[in-house]
């Protein structure tokens, strides 16, 4: 795996795991929907996460929770554009969590340097849009759509199927002119997977890392943690940190989290034990 991720003007050091802070500019996200719906609230939260130690910020204008309904591209752009513009001079890359090509282009136009696509650039024109930019891209596996994905998902071998899908999408991206140094893979915890599927992916996350691309793990506050612990979404901090540390130990290069400060402290301990000097990594220009 390359130790550097290129995202626009940023060269992101992946020698130790990084934290990606989540900012949902939505009314119905499963964890913080409605808390940062206004641009001012979302911008303030993003700066708070950066100060807490986030090496990347991921801004979303459409919920992808199980059962969620989509929003139009115009509304999604209206939500995310002022946030991205306000963060254009931040010292960390700003990622946009979207499946829509129109939103990708609008975000890139105002300063986003990464696209986080749960649909793995399968929308018509998506691969070409990223190839024409200098942005990084995260390709995620999802079985079904957010509205249907948790209706009895089935796999013969979830890890093998996720690996095959992600490798295929990475190869499609590379063939279109997106270099490996700009590609991240995400197994899609909770996106068309049962609890046992998610646990299999976490146990064998190293196999996905062996594909040769940085792996992003998004386990923060997910429902699988609630099933295991019996805790509601607002009370899953401890479980989220435990899951993030297990992912880091198994090769995750980027941990997508809501609770940056607490996860940063836990990661600092893990880094010390594993002899990876310093605090969680930073992006450089």
C-alpha atoms as a PDB file:
ATOM      1  CA  UNK A   1       0.000   0.000   0.000  1.00  0.00           C
ATOM      2  CA  UNK A   2       1.211   3.501  -0.810  1.00  0.00           C
ATOM      3  CA  UNK A   3       2.082   5.464   2.317  1.00  0.00           C
ATOM      4  CA  UNK A   4       0.813   8.679   0.708  1.00  0.00           C
ATOM      5  CA  UNK A   5      -2.716   9.550  -0.412  1.00  0.00           C
ATOM      6  CA  UNK A   6      -2.950  12.398  -2.924  1.00  0.00           C
ATOM      7  CA  UNK A   7      -6.036  14.585  -2.539  1.00  0.00           C
ATOM      8  CA  UNK A   8      -5.795  17.750  -4.572  1.00  0.00           C
ATOM      9  CA  UNK A   9      -3.058  19.929  -3.098  1.00  0.00           C
ATOM     10  CA  UNK A  10      -2.661  17.586  -0.120  1.00  0.00           C
ATOM     11  CA  UNK A  11      -0.172  14.760   0.340  1.00  0.00           C
ATOM     12  CA  UNK A  12      -1.591  12.690   3.187  1.00  0.00           C
ATOM     13  CA  UNK A  13       0.847  10.649   5.252  1.00  0.00           C
ATOM     14  CA  UNK A  14      -0.596   7.178   5.863  1.00  0.00           C
ATOM     15  CA  UNK A  15       2.266   5.798   7.920  1.00  0.00           C
ATOM     16  CA  UNK A  16      -0.155   5.646  10.841  1.00  0.00           C
ATOM     17  CA  UNK A  17      -3.974   5.703  10.974  1.00  0.00           C
ATOM     18  CA  UNK A  18      -5.810   8.971  10.403  1.00  0.00           C
ATOM     19  CA  UNK A  19      -9.134  10.254  11.684  1.00  0.00           C
ATOM     20  CA  UNK A  20     -11.835  11.508   9.328  1.00  0.00           C
ATOM     21  CA  UNK A  21     -14.382  13.657  11.160  1.00  0.00           C
ATOM     22  CA  UNK A  22     -18.036  13.395  10.106  1.00  0.00           C
ATOM     23  CA  UNK A  23     -20.238  16.444   9.510  1.00  0.00           C
ATOM     24  CA  UNK A  24     -23.780  15.595   8.386  1.00  0.00           C
ATOM     25  CA  UNK A  25     -25.663  18.585   6.965  1.00  0.00           C
ATOM     26  CA  UNK A  26     -28.875  16.566   7.013  1.00  0.00           C
ATOM     27  CA  UNK A  27     -32.125  16.299   8.914  1.00  0.00           C
ATOM     28  CA  UNK A  28     -32.262  12.502   9.107  1.00  0.00           C
ATOM     29  CA  UNK A  29     -28.808  10.966   9.476  1.00  0.00           C
ATOM     30  CA  UNK A  30     -28.918   8.090  11.945  1.00  0.00           C
ATOM     31  CA  UNK A  31     -26.538   9.645  14.470  1.00  0.00           C
ATOM     32  CA  UNK A  32     -26.595  13.438  14.299  1.00  0.00           C
ATOM     33  CA  UNK A  33     -29.364  14.273  11.835  1.00  0.00           C
ATOM     34  CA  UNK A  34     -30.582  17.829  12.312  1.00  0.00           C
ATOM     35  CA  UNK A  35     -27.799  18.906  14.667  1.00  0.00           C
ATOM     36  CA  UNK A  36     -25.792  20.643  11.933  1.00  0.00           C
ATOM     37  CA  UNK A  37     -28.448  21.336   9.319  1.00  0.00           C
ATOM     38  CA  UNK A  38     -27.594  25.034   9.052  1.00  0.00           C
ATOM     39  CA  UNK A  39     -24.372  25.952   7.266  1.00  0.00           C
ATOM     40  CA  UNK A  40     -23.102  27.932  10.260  1.00  0.00           C
ATOM     41  CA  UNK A  41     -23.606  24.988  12.614  1.00  0.00           C
ATOM     42  CA  UNK A  42     -21.963  22.576  10.196  1.00  0.00           C
ATOM     43  CA  UNK A  43     -18.978  24.881   9.630  1.00  0.00           C
ATOM     44  CA  UNK A  44     -18.503  25.348  13.363  1.00  0.00           C
ATOM     45  CA  UNK A  45     -18.626  21.591  13.918  1.00  0.00           C
ATOM     46  CA  UNK A  46     -16.075  21.001  11.162  1.00  0.00           C
ATOM     47  CA  UNK A  47     -13.619  23.448  12.731  1.00  0.00           C
ATOM     48  CA  UNK A  48     -14.233  21.836  16.122  1.00  0.00           C
ATOM     49  CA  UNK A  49     -13.356  18.423  14.692  1.00  0.00           C
ATOM     50  CA  UNK A  50     -10.227  19.790  13.017  1.00  0.00           C
ATOM     51  CA  UNK A  51      -9.088  21.313  16.305  1.00  0.00           C
ATOM     52  CA  UNK A  52      -9.800  17.981  18.011  1.00  0.00           C
ATOM     53  CA  UNK A  53      -7.463  16.166  15.640  1.00  0.00           C
ATOM     54  CA  UNK A  54      -9.334  15.236  12.477  1.00  0.00           C
ATOM     55  CA  UNK A  55      -6.936  14.863   9.551  1.00  0.00           C
ATOM     56  CA  UNK A  56      -9.831  14.904   7.062  1.00  0.00           C
ATOM     57  CA  UNK A  57     -13.398  16.218   7.177  1.00  0.00           C
ATOM     58  CA  UNK A  58     -16.255  14.350   5.473  1.00  0.00           C
ATOM     59  CA  UNK A  59     -19.307  16.505   4.703  1.00  0.00           C
ATOM     60  CA  UNK A  60     -22.595  14.882   3.736  1.00  0.00           C
ATOM     61  CA  UNK A  61     -25.790  16.495   2.471  1.00  0.00           C
ATOM     62  CA  UNK A  62     -27.899  13.353   2.071  1.00  0.00           C
ATOM     63  CA  UNK A  63     -28.535  10.627   4.631  1.00  0.00           C
ATOM     64  CA  UNK A  64     -27.513   7.082   3.712  1.00  0.00           C
ATOM     65  CA  UNK A  65     -28.893   5.401   6.826  1.00  0.00           C
ATOM     66  CA  UNK A  66     -30.907   2.191   6.263  1.00  0.00           C
ATOM     67  CA  UNK A  67     -34.362   3.015   4.935  1.00  0.00           C
ATOM     68  CA  UNK A  68     -33.527   6.619   4.097  1.00  0.00           C
ATOM     69  CA  UNK A  69     -35.100   8.522   1.224  1.00  0.00           C
ATOM     70  CA  UNK A  70     -32.934  10.478  -1.187  1.00  0.00           C
ATOM     71  CA  UNK A  71     -32.876  14.230  -1.762  1.00  0.00           C
ATOM     72  CA  UNK A  72     -32.527  16.097  -5.028  1.00  0.00           C
ATOM     73  CA  UNK A  73     -29.135  17.230  -6.287  1.00  0.00           C
ATOM     74  CA  UNK A  74     -30.103  20.908  -6.004  1.00  0.00           C
ATOM     75  CA  UNK A  75     -31.006  20.562  -2.317  1.00  0.00           C
ATOM     76  CA  UNK A  76     -27.906  18.518  -1.596  1.00  0.00           C
ATOM     77  CA  UNK A  77     -25.676  21.107  -3.267  1.00  0.00           C
ATOM     78  CA  UNK A  78     -27.367  23.912  -1.339  1.00  0.00           C
ATOM     79  CA  UNK A  79     -26.540  22.104   1.901  1.00  0.00           C
ATOM     80  CA  UNK A  80     -22.904  21.281   1.268  1.00  0.00           C
ATOM     81  CA  UNK A  81     -21.623  24.121  -0.939  1.00  0.00           C
ATOM     82  CA  UNK A  82     -21.363  26.851   1.754  1.00  0.00           C
ATOM     83  CA  UNK A  83     -19.710  24.416   4.144  1.00  0.00           C
ATOM     84  CA  UNK A  84     -17.067  23.340   1.646  1.00  0.00           C
ATOM     85  CA  UNK A  85     -16.447  26.932   0.578  1.00  0.00           C
ATOM     86  CA  UNK A  86     -15.942  28.033   4.186  1.00  0.00           C
ATOM     87  CA  UNK A  87     -13.401  25.232   4.707  1.00  0.00           C
ATOM     88  CA  UNK A  88     -11.509  25.776   1.443  1.00  0.00           C
ATOM     89  CA  UNK A  89      -8.463  27.179   3.291  1.00  0.00           C
ATOM     90  CA  UNK A  90      -8.450  24.578   6.067  1.00  0.00           C
ATOM     91  CA  UNK A  91      -5.224  22.666   6.528  1.00  0.00           C
ATOM     92  CA  UNK A  92      -6.990  19.339   6.009  1.00  0.00           C
ATOM     93  CA  UNK A  93      -8.701  17.811   2.968  1.00  0.00           C
ATOM     94  CA  UNK A  94     -12.467  18.217   2.741  1.00  0.00           C
ATOM     95  CA  UNK A  95     -14.324  15.165   1.464  1.00  0.00           C
ATOM     96  CA  UNK A  96     -17.891  15.112   0.166  1.00  0.00           C
ATOM     97  CA  UNK A  97     -20.064  12.089   0.883  1.00  0.00           C
ATOM     98  CA  UNK A  98     -22.278  11.841  -2.211  1.00  0.00           C
ATOM     99  CA  UNK A  99     -23.362   9.525  -5.024  1.00  0.00           C
ATOM    100  CA  UNK A 100     -24.467  12.280  -7.433  1.00  0.00           C
ATOM    101  CA  UNK A 101     -22.179  13.496 -10.201  1.00  0.00           C
ATOM    102  CA  UNK A 102     -23.696  16.988 -10.090  1.00  0.00           C
ATOM    103  CA  UNK A 103     -22.896  17.247  -6.391  1.00  0.00           C
ATOM    104  CA  UNK A 104     -19.376  15.923  -6.911  1.00  0.00           C
ATOM    105  CA  UNK A 105     -18.678  18.588  -9.534  1.00  0.00           C
ATOM    106  CA  UNK A 106     -20.211  21.378  -7.459  1.00  0.00           C
ATOM    107  CA  UNK A 107     -18.171  20.374  -4.416  1.00  0.00           C
ATOM    108  CA  UNK A 108     -14.927  20.119  -6.373  1.00  0.00           C
ATOM    109  CA  UNK A 109     -15.596  23.558  -7.871  1.00  0.00           C
ATOM    110  CA  UNK A 110     -15.633  25.177  -4.412  1.00  0.00           C
ATOM    111  CA  UNK A 111     -12.645  23.390  -2.928  1.00  0.00           C
ATOM    112  CA  UNK A 112     -13.404  19.768  -2.020  1.00  0.00           C
ATOM    113  CA  UNK A 113     -10.366  17.530  -2.539  1.00  0.00           C
ATOM    114  CA  UNK A 114     -11.936  14.105  -1.980  1.00  0.00           C
ATOM    115  CA  UNK A 115     -15.159  12.341  -2.943  1.00  0.00           C
ATOM    116  CA  UNK A 116     -16.540   9.649  -0.650  1.00  0.00           C
ATOM    117  CA  UNK A 117     -18.950   7.629  -2.801  1.00  0.00           C
ATOM    118  CA  UNK A 118     -20.973   4.820  -1.233  1.00  0.00           C
ATOM    119  CA  UNK A 119     -21.890   3.810  -4.788  1.00  0.00           C
ATOM    120  CA  UNK A 120     -18.214   3.416  -5.829  1.00  0.00           C
ATOM    121  CA  UNK A 121     -18.476   5.741  -8.864  1.00  0.00           C
ATOM    122  CA  UNK A 122     -21.092   3.570 -10.565  1.00  0.00           C
ATOM    123  CA  UNK A 123     -23.331   6.502 -11.557  1.00  0.00           C
ATOM    124  CA  UNK A 124     -22.989   7.514 -15.223  1.00  0.00           C
ATOM    125  CA  UNK A 125     -20.228  10.100 -15.545  1.00  0.00           C
ATOM    126  CA  UNK A 126     -18.901   9.686 -12.003  1.00  0.00           C
ATOM    127  CA  UNK A 127     -15.614   8.018 -12.913  1.00  0.00           C
ATOM    128  CA  UNK A 128     -14.966  10.612 -15.604  1.00  0.00           C
ATOM    129  CA  UNK A 129     -15.715  13.496 -13.234  1.00  0.00           C
ATOM    130  CA  UNK A 130     -13.100  12.303 -10.746  1.00  0.00           C
ATOM    131  CA  UNK A 131     -10.591  11.444 -13.467  1.00  0.00           C
ATOM    132  CA  UNK A 132     -10.759  15.038 -14.754  1.00  0.00           C
ATOM    133  CA  UNK A 133     -10.018  16.371 -11.259  1.00  0.00           C
ATOM    134  CA  UNK A 134      -7.066  15.920  -8.920  1.00  0.00           C
ATOM    135  CA  UNK A 135      -9.278  14.720  -6.059  1.00  0.00           C
ATOM    136  CA  UNK A 136      -8.969  11.526  -4.092  1.00  0.00           C
ATOM    137  CA  UNK A 137     -11.893   9.101  -4.083  1.00  0.00           C
ATOM    138  CA  UNK A 138     -13.177   6.532  -1.618  1.00  0.00           C
ATOM    139  CA  UNK A 139     -14.916   3.571  -3.256  1.00  0.00           C
ATOM    140  CA  UNK A 140     -17.350   1.787  -0.945  1.00  0.00           C
ATOM    141  CA  UNK A 141     -19.165  -1.541  -1.164  1.00  0.00           C
ATOM    142  CA  UNK A 142     -22.916  -1.491  -0.678  1.00  0.00           C
ATOM    143  CA  UNK A 143     -25.372  -4.277  -1.419  1.00  0.00           C
ATOM    144  CA  UNK A 144     -28.627  -2.754  -2.601  1.00  0.00           C
ATOM    145  CA  UNK A 145     -29.575   0.861  -1.904  1.00  0.00           C
ATOM    146  CA  UNK A 146     -29.874   2.731   1.415  1.00  0.00           C
ATOM    147  CA  UNK A 147     -33.627   2.182   1.259  1.00  0.00           C
ATOM    148  CA  UNK A 148     -33.398  -1.616   0.816  1.00  0.00           C
ATOM    149  CA  UNK A 149     -29.887  -2.691   1.807  1.00  0.00           C
ATOM    150  CA  UNK A 150     -30.724  -4.109   5.228  1.00  0.00           C
ATOM    151  CA  UNK A 151     -33.567  -6.336   4.022  1.00  0.00           C
ATOM    152  CA  UNK A 152     -32.057  -9.791   4.629  1.00  0.00           C
ATOM    153  CA  UNK A 153     -28.666  -9.345   2.885  1.00  0.00           C
ATOM    154  CA  UNK A 154     -27.102 -12.634   1.742  1.00  0.00           C
ATOM    155  CA  UNK A 155     -23.530 -13.620   0.800  1.00  0.00           C
ATOM    156  CA  UNK A 156     -21.666 -16.840   0.142  1.00  0.00           C
ATOM    157  CA  UNK A 157     -18.508 -15.287   1.625  1.00  0.00           C
ATOM    158  CA  UNK A 158     -18.920 -11.621   2.487  1.00  0.00           C
ATOM    159  CA  UNK A 159     -15.197 -10.841   2.587  1.00  0.00           C
ATOM    160  CA  UNK A 160     -14.429 -12.473  -0.745  1.00  0.00           C
ATOM    161  CA  UNK A 161     -17.383 -10.766  -2.429  1.00  0.00           C
ATOM    162  CA  UNK A 162     -16.548  -7.350  -0.993  1.00  0.00           C
ATOM    163  CA  UNK A 163     -12.889  -7.741  -2.003  1.00  0.00           C
ATOM    164  CA  UNK A 164     -13.803  -8.719  -5.554  1.00  0.00           C
ATOM    165  CA  UNK A 165     -16.182  -5.771  -5.925  1.00  0.00           C
ATOM    166  CA  UNK A 166     -13.727  -3.222  -4.530  1.00  0.00           C
ATOM    167  CA  UNK A 167     -10.854  -4.491  -6.647  1.00  0.00           C
ATOM    168  CA  UNK A 168     -13.025  -4.325  -9.757  1.00  0.00           C
ATOM    169  CA  UNK A 169     -14.086  -0.740  -9.022  1.00  0.00           C
ATOM    170  CA  UNK A 170     -10.501   0.277  -8.291  1.00  0.00           C
ATOM    171  CA  UNK A 171      -9.421  -1.193 -11.612  1.00  0.00           C
ATOM    172  CA  UNK A 172     -12.205   0.688 -13.405  1.00  0.00           C
ATOM    173  CA  UNK A 173     -11.058   3.913 -11.771  1.00  0.00           C
ATOM    174  CA  UNK A 174      -7.423   3.291 -12.690  1.00  0.00           C
ATOM    175  CA  UNK A 175      -8.348   2.477 -16.276  1.00  0.00           C
ATOM    176  CA  UNK A 176     -10.127   5.839 -16.486  1.00  0.00           C
ATOM    177  CA  UNK A 177      -6.964   7.642 -15.405  1.00  0.00           C
ATOM    178  CA  UNK A 178      -7.339   7.879 -11.620  1.00  0.00           C
ATOM    179  CA  UNK A 179      -3.975   6.823 -10.165  1.00  0.00           C
ATOM    180  CA  UNK A 180      -3.728   4.349  -7.288  1.00  0.00           C
ATOM    181  CA  UNK A 181      -2.374   7.122  -5.035  1.00  0.00           C
ATOM    182  CA  UNK A 182      -5.789   8.801  -5.172  1.00  0.00           C
ATOM    183  CA  UNK A 183      -7.915   5.703  -4.394  1.00  0.00           C
ATOM    184  CA  UNK A 184      -9.242   4.541  -1.007  1.00  0.00           C
ATOM    185  CA  UNK A 185     -11.393   1.442  -0.412  1.00  0.00           C
ATOM    186  CA  UNK A 186     -14.210   1.081   2.133  1.00  0.00           C
ATOM    187  CA  UNK A 187     -15.831  -2.316   2.860  1.00  0.00           C
ATOM    188  CA  UNK A 188     -19.076  -0.561   3.798  1.00  0.00           C
ATOM    189  CA  UNK A 189     -19.810  -1.667   7.339  1.00  0.00           C
ATOM    190  CA  UNK A 190     -23.580  -1.626   7.805  1.00  0.00           C
ATOM    191  CA  UNK A 191     -24.371  -1.144   4.119  1.00  0.00           C
ATOM    192  CA  UNK A 192     -26.196  -4.307   3.136  1.00  0.00           C
ATOM    193  CA  UNK A 193     -24.632  -6.495   5.828  1.00  0.00           C
ATOM    194  CA  UNK A 194     -25.921  -8.340   8.861  1.00  0.00           C
ATOM    195  CA  UNK A 195     -24.136  -8.066  12.205  1.00  0.00           C
ATOM    196  CA  UNK A 196     -22.263 -11.285  11.475  1.00  0.00           C
ATOM    197  CA  UNK A 197     -21.276 -10.023   8.026  1.00  0.00           C
ATOM    198  CA  UNK A 198     -19.893  -6.878   9.638  1.00  0.00           C
ATOM    199  CA  UNK A 199     -17.983  -8.889  12.213  1.00  0.00           C
ATOM    200  CA  UNK A 200     -16.492 -11.108   9.495  1.00  0.00           C
ATOM    201  CA  UNK A 201     -15.342  -8.007   7.627  1.00  0.00           C
ATOM    202  CA  UNK A 202     -13.769  -6.566  10.752  1.00  0.00           C
ATOM    203  CA  UNK A 203     -12.047  -9.826  11.647  1.00  0.00           C
ATOM    204  CA  UNK A 204     -10.608 -10.149   8.132  1.00  0.00           C
ATOM    205  CA  UNK A 205     -10.100  -6.471   7.337  1.00  0.00           C
ATOM    206  CA  UNK A 206      -6.429  -7.172   6.698  1.00  0.00           C
ATOM    207  CA  UNK A 207      -7.402  -9.128   3.593  1.00  0.00           C
ATOM    208  CA  UNK A 208      -8.942  -5.992   2.110  1.00  0.00           C
ATOM    209  CA  UNK A 209      -5.852  -3.965   3.038  1.00  0.00           C
ATOM    210  CA  UNK A 210      -3.787  -6.541   1.141  1.00  0.00           C
ATOM    211  CA  UNK A 211      -5.422  -5.352  -2.100  1.00  0.00           C
ATOM    212  CA  UNK A 212      -2.857  -2.551  -2.013  1.00  0.00           C
ATOM    213  CA  UNK A 213      -5.049   0.495  -1.405  1.00  0.00           C
ATOM    214  CA  UNK A 214      -5.670   2.458   1.808  1.00  0.00           C
ATOM    215  CA  UNK A 215      -8.726   1.167   3.663  1.00  0.00           C
ATOM    216  CA  UNK A 216     -11.296   3.438   5.275  1.00  0.00           C
ATOM    217  CA  UNK A 217     -13.345   1.952   8.122  1.00  0.00           C
ATOM    218  CA  UNK A 218     -16.613   3.600   9.142  1.00  0.00           C
ATOM    219  CA  UNK A 219     -17.877   1.884  12.277  1.00  0.00           C
ATOM    220  CA  UNK A 220     -18.698   4.896  14.420  1.00  0.00           C
ATOM    221  CA  UNK A 221     -22.054   4.567  16.235  1.00  0.00           C
ATOM    222  CA  UNK A 222     -23.250   1.921  13.752  1.00  0.00           C
ATOM    223  CA  UNK A 223     -26.258  -0.265  14.563  1.00  0.00           C
ATOM    224  CA  UNK A 224     -24.089  -3.393  14.822  1.00  0.00           C
ATOM    225  CA  UNK A 225     -22.538  -1.830  17.933  1.00  0.00           C
ATOM    226  CA  UNK A 226     -26.004  -1.264  19.350  1.00  0.00           C
ATOM    227  CA  UNK A 227     -26.965  -4.894  18.738  1.00  0.00           C
ATOM    228  CA  UNK A 228     -23.822  -6.118  20.499  1.00  0.00           C
ATOM    229  CA  UNK A 229     -23.946  -3.722  23.464  1.00  0.00           C
ATOM    230  CA  UNK A 230     -27.649  -2.987  23.749  1.00  0.00           C
ATOM    231  CA  UNK A 231     -26.867   0.750  23.728  1.00  0.00           C
ATOM    232  CA  UNK A 232     -28.740   3.465  21.833  1.00  0.00           C
ATOM    233  CA  UNK A 233     -26.993   5.457  19.127  1.00  0.00           C
ATOM    234  CA  UNK A 234     -26.139   8.364  21.426  1.00  0.00           C
ATOM    235  CA  UNK A 235     -24.511   5.990  23.929  1.00  0.00           C
ATOM    236  CA  UNK A 236     -22.121   4.078  21.660  1.00  0.00           C
ATOM    237  CA  UNK A 237     -18.931   6.064  22.232  1.00  0.00           C
ATOM    238  CA  UNK A 238     -17.052   3.291  24.025  1.00  0.00           C
ATOM    239  CA  UNK A 239     -18.106   0.656  21.515  1.00  0.00           C
ATOM    240  CA  UNK A 240     -17.186   2.964  18.624  1.00  0.00           C
ATOM    241  CA  UNK A 241     -13.696   3.488  20.014  1.00  0.00           C
ATOM    242  CA  UNK A 242     -13.195  -0.238  20.522  1.00  0.00           C
ATOM    243  CA  UNK A 243     -14.297  -0.963  16.957  1.00  0.00           C
ATOM    244  CA  UNK A 244     -12.046   1.779  15.578  1.00  0.00           C
ATOM    245  CA  UNK A 245      -9.015   0.400  17.408  1.00  0.00           C
ATOM    246  CA  UNK A 246      -9.701  -3.110  16.119  1.00  0.00           C
ATOM    247  CA  UNK A 247      -9.961  -1.718  12.590  1.00  0.00           C
ATOM    248  CA  UNK A 248      -6.687   0.168  12.983  1.00  0.00           C
ATOM    249  CA  UNK A 249      -4.945  -2.975  14.223  1.00  0.00           C
ATOM    250  CA  UNK A 250      -6.211  -4.834  11.159  1.00  0.00           C
ATOM    251  CA  UNK A 251      -4.898  -2.347   8.641  1.00  0.00           C
ATOM    252  CA  UNK A 252      -7.390   0.515   8.355  1.00  0.00           C
ATOM    253  CA  UNK A 253      -5.567   3.655   7.250  1.00  0.00           C
ATOM    254  CA  UNK A 254      -8.494   6.052   7.808  1.00  0.00           C
ATOM    255  CA  UNK A 255     -11.062   5.844  10.599  1.00  0.00           C
ATOM    256  CA  UNK A 256     -14.287   7.733   9.861  1.00  0.00           C
ATOM    257  CA  UNK A 257     -15.626   8.851  13.242  1.00  0.00           C
ATOM    258  CA  UNK A 258     -18.032  11.244  14.912  1.00  0.00           C
ATOM    259  CA  UNK A 259     -16.100  11.465  18.204  1.00  0.00           C
ATOM    260  CA  UNK A 260     -12.700  12.710  17.088  1.00  0.00           C
ATOM    261  CA  UNK A 261     -11.153  13.794  20.391  1.00  0.00           C
ATOM    262  CA  UNK A 262     -11.913  10.567  22.256  1.00  0.00           C
ATOM    263  CA  UNK A 263     -10.837   8.378  19.335  1.00  0.00           C
ATOM    264  CA  UNK A 264      -7.625  10.401  18.949  1.00  0.00           C
ATOM    265  CA  UNK A 265      -6.674   9.648  22.556  1.00  0.00           C
ATOM    266  CA  UNK A 266      -7.345   5.934  22.118  1.00  0.00           C
ATOM    267  CA  UNK A 267      -5.388   5.909  18.869  1.00  0.00           C
ATOM    268  CA  UNK A 268      -2.428   7.639  20.534  1.00  0.00           C
ATOM    269  CA  UNK A 269      -2.257   4.768  23.043  1.00  0.00           C
ATOM    270  CA  UNK A 270      -2.493   2.186  20.259  1.00  0.00           C
ATOM    271  CA  UNK A 271       0.246   3.949  18.292  1.00  0.00           C
ATOM    272  CA  UNK A 272       2.502   3.974  21.349  1.00  0.00           C
ATOM    273  CA  UNK A 273       1.984   0.270  21.990  1.00  0.00           C
ATOM    274  CA  UNK A 274       2.589  -0.560  18.337  1.00  0.00           C
ATOM    275  CA  UNK A 275       5.705   1.661  18.255  1.00  0.00           C
ATOM    276  CA  UNK A 276       4.285   4.155  15.776  1.00  0.00           C
ATOM    277  CA  UNK A 277       5.693   7.445  17.182  1.00  0.00           C
ATOM    278  CA  UNK A 278       3.594  10.573  17.388  1.00  0.00           C
ATOM    279  CA  UNK A 279      -0.081  11.339  17.399  1.00  0.00           C
ATOM    280  CA  UNK A 280      -2.516  10.427  14.614  1.00  0.00           C
ATOM    281  CA  UNK A 281      -1.278  11.556  11.225  1.00  0.00           C
ATOM    282  CA  UNK A 282      -1.713  14.865   9.492  1.00  0.00           C
ATOM    283  CA  UNK A 283      -2.101  16.049   5.939  1.00  0.00           C
ATOM    284  CA  UNK A 284       0.541  18.284   4.410  1.00  0.00           C
ATOM    285  CA  UNK A 285       0.515  20.605   1.418  1.00  0.00           C
END
